[in-house]
Amino acid sequence: MARPFEKLPAGAKNHLEAMAANGLLSESAAATALGMPLDQFRKVIANHKPSKEIWDNALAVERDQLLSALYDRAVGGDTKAAQTLLATRHGMSEKQPQGSSERVSVVFNLPAAMDAAEYAKAIRVEQESLPDGS
């Protein structure tokens, strides 16, 4: 039985970045391309910091290419692409107001409901404390 992998094999960085640039990056495809079983690939990525950095860099290459393609579509007039870019890159959305609001917000905190007997007692006490105006 072969020894389990402890880190990505030599040349993994270039190979994974090339896969990302061609839109072929996934964990299973990367593991297969590097000659590693998928479970070992996942363990290496989780436990070996330099390997994790290589994987994160490859994902960044893929993300940058996708953002570039989305940007090209947005500039070309695709409003959905523009909305997606504004939401993901700039935190803007038509679902929430942007900027500061000059509106005043008022909150009423009401006491818990009383049962009928407690209410009657409270009214009686309130009436007895009023000055006799009759």
C-alpha atoms as a PDB file:
ATOM      1  CA  MET A   1       0.000   0.000   0.000  1.00  0.00           C
ATOM      2  CA  ALA A   2       1.325   3.436  -0.956  1.00  0.00           C
ATOM      3  CA  ARG A   3       2.168   5.989   1.663  1.00  0.00           C
ATOM      4  CA  PRO A   4      -0.490   8.697   2.076  1.00  0.00           C
ATOM      5  CA  PHE A   5       0.294  12.124   0.682  1.00  0.00           C
ATOM      6  CA  GLU A   6       1.420  14.738   3.193  1.00  0.00           C
ATOM      7  CA  LYS A   7       1.651  17.615   0.717  1.00  0.00           C
ATOM      8  CA  LEU A   8       0.854  18.368  -2.909  1.00  0.00           C
ATOM      9  CA  PRO A   9       3.327  16.868  -5.396  1.00  0.00           C
ATOM     10  CA  ALA A  10       5.984  18.965  -7.110  1.00  0.00           C
ATOM     11  CA  GLY A  11       4.623  21.109  -9.931  1.00  0.00           C
ATOM     12  CA  ALA A  12       1.144  21.251  -8.390  1.00  0.00           C
ATOM     13  CA  LYS A  13       1.095  25.056  -8.315  1.00  0.00           C
ATOM     14  CA  ASN A  14       1.598  25.488 -12.058  1.00  0.00           C
ATOM     15  CA  HIS A  15      -0.703  22.600 -12.861  1.00  0.00           C
ATOM     16  CA  LEU A  16      -3.573  23.830 -10.683  1.00  0.00           C
ATOM     17  CA  GLU A  17      -3.269  27.417 -11.896  1.00  0.00           C
ATOM     18  CA  ALA A  18      -3.336  26.200 -15.519  1.00  0.00           C
ATOM     19  CA  MET A  19      -6.451  24.151 -14.747  1.00  0.00           C
ATOM     20  CA  ALA A  20      -8.064  27.225 -13.183  1.00  0.00           C
ATOM     21  CA  ALA A  21      -7.190  29.400 -16.171  1.00  0.00           C
ATOM     22  CA  ASN A  22      -8.910  26.867 -18.451  1.00  0.00           C
ATOM     23  CA  GLY A  23     -12.028  26.540 -16.288  1.00  0.00           C
ATOM     24  CA  LEU A  24     -11.237  22.964 -15.274  1.00  0.00           C
ATOM     25  CA  LEU A  25     -10.644  23.429 -11.558  1.00  0.00           C
ATOM     26  CA  SER A  26     -12.517  21.264  -9.073  1.00  0.00           C
ATOM     27  CA  GLU A  27     -11.296  19.197  -6.146  1.00  0.00           C
ATOM     28  CA  SER A  28     -11.913  15.902  -7.896  1.00  0.00           C
ATOM     29  CA  ALA A  29     -10.322  17.026 -11.181  1.00  0.00           C
ATOM     30  CA  ALA A  30      -7.321  18.455  -9.318  1.00  0.00           C
ATOM     31  CA  ALA A  31      -6.842  15.273  -7.295  1.00  0.00           C
ATOM     32  CA  THR A  32      -7.022  13.135 -10.435  1.00  0.00           C
ATOM     33  CA  ALA A  33      -4.634  15.401 -12.351  1.00  0.00           C
ATOM     34  CA  LEU A  34      -2.122  15.267  -9.484  1.00  0.00           C
ATOM     35  CA  GLY A  35      -2.415  11.482  -9.143  1.00  0.00           C
ATOM     36  CA  MET A  36      -3.922  11.657  -5.656  1.00  0.00           C
ATOM     37  CA  PRO A  37      -7.009  10.028  -4.180  1.00  0.00           C
ATOM     38  CA  LEU A  38      -9.677  12.684  -3.506  1.00  0.00           C
ATOM     39  CA  ASP A  39      -9.817  12.023   0.250  1.00  0.00           C
ATOM     40  CA  GLN A  40      -6.047  12.468   0.550  1.00  0.00           C
ATOM     41  CA  PHE A  41      -6.159  15.625  -1.581  1.00  0.00           C
ATOM     42  CA  ARG A  42      -8.759  17.092   0.800  1.00  0.00           C
ATOM     43  CA  LYS A  43      -6.695  16.132   3.861  1.00  0.00           C
ATOM     44  CA  VAL A  44      -3.541  17.681   2.388  1.00  0.00           C
ATOM     45  CA  ILE A  45      -5.400  20.908   1.575  1.00  0.00           C
ATOM     46  CA  ALA A  46      -6.844  21.017   5.092  1.00  0.00           C
ATOM     47  CA  ASN A  47      -3.682  20.123   7.020  1.00  0.00           C
ATOM     48  CA  HIS A  48      -0.658  21.360   5.035  1.00  0.00           C
ATOM     49  CA  LYS A  49      -0.500  25.172   4.987  1.00  0.00           C
ATOM     50  CA  PRO A  50       1.697  25.576   1.841  1.00  0.00           C
ATOM     51  CA  SER A  51      -0.607  23.193  -0.058  1.00  0.00           C
ATOM     52  CA  LYS A  52      -3.643  25.146   1.144  1.00  0.00           C
ATOM     53  CA  GLU A  53      -2.029  28.347  -0.158  1.00  0.00           C
ATOM     54  CA  ILE A  54      -1.419  26.735  -3.568  1.00  0.00           C
ATOM     55  CA  TRP A  55      -5.077  25.663  -3.723  1.00  0.00           C
ATOM     56  CA  ASP A  56      -6.303  29.107  -2.617  1.00  0.00           C
ATOM     57  CA  ASN A  57      -4.128  30.770  -5.288  1.00  0.00           C
ATOM     58  CA  ALA A  58      -5.561  28.491  -7.964  1.00  0.00           C
ATOM     59  CA  LEU A  59      -9.079  29.358  -6.804  1.00  0.00           C
ATOM     60  CA  ALA A  60      -8.130  33.050  -6.967  1.00  0.00           C
ATOM     61  CA  VAL A  61      -7.052  32.621 -10.607  1.00  0.00           C
ATOM     62  CA  GLU A  62     -10.419  31.044 -11.386  1.00  0.00           C
ATOM     63  CA  ARG A  63     -12.324  33.759  -9.466  1.00  0.00           C
ATOM     64  CA  ASP A  64     -10.436  36.530 -11.273  1.00  0.00           C
ATOM     65  CA  GLN A  65     -11.240  35.038 -14.658  1.00  0.00           C
ATOM     66  CA  LEU A  66     -14.916  34.678 -13.788  1.00  0.00           C
ATOM     67  CA  LEU A  67     -15.078  38.253 -12.514  1.00  0.00           C
ATOM     68  CA  SER A  68     -13.404  39.440 -15.696  1.00  0.00           C
ATOM     69  CA  ALA A  69     -15.955  37.592 -17.834  1.00  0.00           C
ATOM     70  CA  LEU A  70     -18.787  38.976 -15.718  1.00  0.00           C
ATOM     71  CA  TYR A  71     -17.359  42.490 -16.032  1.00  0.00           C
ATOM     72  CA  ASP A  72     -17.153  42.161 -19.818  1.00  0.00           C
ATOM     73  CA  ARG A  73     -20.824  41.130 -19.926  1.00  0.00           C
ATOM     74  CA  ALA A  74     -21.833  43.975 -17.599  1.00  0.00           C
ATOM     75  CA  VAL A  75     -20.006  46.586 -19.691  1.00  0.00           C
ATOM     76  CA  GLY A  76     -21.611  45.050 -22.777  1.00  0.00           C
ATOM     77  CA  GLY A  77     -25.073  45.871 -21.389  1.00  0.00           C
ATOM     78  CA  ASP A  78     -26.036  42.766 -19.416  1.00  0.00           C
ATOM     79  CA  THR A  79     -27.902  44.327 -16.477  1.00  0.00           C
ATOM     80  CA  LYS A  80     -28.008  41.089 -14.478  1.00  0.00           C
ATOM     81  CA  ALA A  81     -24.215  40.846 -14.692  1.00  0.00           C
ATOM     82  CA  ALA A  82     -23.917  44.485 -13.606  1.00  0.00           C
ATOM     83  CA  GLN A  83     -26.257  43.894 -10.646  1.00  0.00           C
ATOM     84  CA  THR A  84     -24.289  40.823  -9.609  1.00  0.00           C
ATOM     85  CA  LEU A  85     -20.981  42.693  -9.746  1.00  0.00           C
ATOM     86  CA  LEU A  86     -22.366  45.634  -7.788  1.00  0.00           C
ATOM     87  CA  ALA A  87     -23.725  43.287  -5.136  1.00  0.00           C
ATOM     88  CA  THR A  88     -20.667  41.053  -4.793  1.00  0.00           C
ATOM     89  CA  ARG A  89     -17.851  43.543  -5.246  1.00  0.00           C
ATOM     90  CA  HIS A  90     -19.391  46.717  -3.860  1.00  0.00           C
ATOM     91  CA  GLY A  91     -22.095  45.542  -1.458  1.00  0.00           C
ATOM     92  CA  MET A  92     -24.837  47.354  -3.359  1.00  0.00           C
ATOM     93  CA  SER A  93     -28.257  45.854  -3.896  1.00  0.00           C
ATOM     94  CA  GLU A  94     -31.679  47.082  -4.944  1.00  0.00           C
ATOM     95  CA  LYS A  95     -33.100  45.155  -1.977  1.00  0.00           C
ATOM     96  CA  GLN A  96     -31.651  47.448   0.684  1.00  0.00           C
ATOM     97  CA  PRO A  97     -31.378  51.227   0.779  1.00  0.00           C
ATOM     98  CA  GLN A  98     -27.898  52.682   0.337  1.00  0.00           C
ATOM     99  CA  GLY A  99     -26.425  55.657   2.122  1.00  0.00           C
ATOM    100  CA  SER A 100     -27.610  57.370   5.252  1.00  0.00           C
ATOM    101  CA  SER A 101     -31.279  57.798   5.898  1.00  0.00           C
ATOM    102  CA  GLU A 102     -32.746  60.926   7.473  1.00  0.00           C
ATOM    103  CA  ARG A 103     -35.824  59.058   8.685  1.00  0.00           C
ATOM    104  CA  VAL A 104     -36.709  58.918  12.350  1.00  0.00           C
ATOM    105  CA  SER A 105     -37.418  55.533  13.857  1.00  0.00           C
ATOM    106  CA  VAL A 106     -39.739  55.237  16.858  1.00  0.00           C
ATOM    107  CA  VAL A 107     -40.062  52.045  18.883  1.00  0.00           C
ATOM    108  CA  PHE A 108     -42.892  51.407  21.343  1.00  0.00           C
ATOM    109  CA  ASN A 109     -42.283  48.824  24.035  1.00  0.00           C
ATOM    110  CA  LEU A 110     -45.604  47.669  25.477  1.00  0.00           C
ATOM    111  CA  PRO A 111     -45.933  45.873  28.794  1.00  0.00           C
ATOM    112  CA  ALA A 112     -47.106  42.294  28.923  1.00  0.00           C
ATOM    113  CA  ALA A 113     -50.865  41.713  28.879  1.00  0.00           C
ATOM    114  CA  MET A 114     -52.725  41.523  32.213  1.00  0.00           C
ATOM    115  CA  ASP A 115     -55.484  39.117  33.005  1.00  0.00           C
ATOM    116  CA  ALA A 116     -58.931  40.595  33.729  1.00  0.00           C
ATOM    117  CA  ALA A 117     -58.620  40.485  37.541  1.00  0.00           C
ATOM    118  CA  GLU A 118     -55.240  42.258  37.562  1.00  0.00           C
ATOM    119  CA  TYR A 119     -56.574  44.909  35.191  1.00  0.00           C
ATOM    120  CA  ALA A 120     -59.663  45.549  37.342  1.00  0.00           C
ATOM    121  CA  LYS A 121     -57.454  45.895  40.444  1.00  0.00           C
ATOM    122  CA  ALA A 122     -55.090  48.316  38.662  1.00  0.00           C
ATOM    123  CA  ILE A 123     -58.024  50.466  37.531  1.00  0.00           C
ATOM    124  CA  ARG A 124     -59.490  50.497  41.051  1.00  0.00           C
ATOM    125  CA  VAL A 125     -56.160  51.549  42.571  1.00  0.00           C
ATOM    126  CA  GLU A 126     -55.743  54.265  39.896  1.00  0.00           C
ATOM    127  CA  GLN A 127     -59.258  55.636  40.562  1.00  0.00           C
ATOM    128  CA  GLU A 128     -58.744  55.655  44.336  1.00  0.00           C
ATOM    129  CA  SER A 129     -55.540  57.679  43.956  1.00  0.00           C
ATOM    130  CA  LEU A 130     -57.227  60.401  41.866  1.00  0.00           C
ATOM    131  CA  PRO A 131     -58.315  63.543  43.750  1.00  0.00           C
ATOM    132  CA  ASP A 132     -62.009  63.601  44.329  1.00  0.00           C
ATOM    133  CA  GLY A 133     -63.223  66.005  41.698  1.00  0.00           C
ATOM    134  CA  SER A 134     -66.953  65.346  42.015  1.00  0.00           C
END
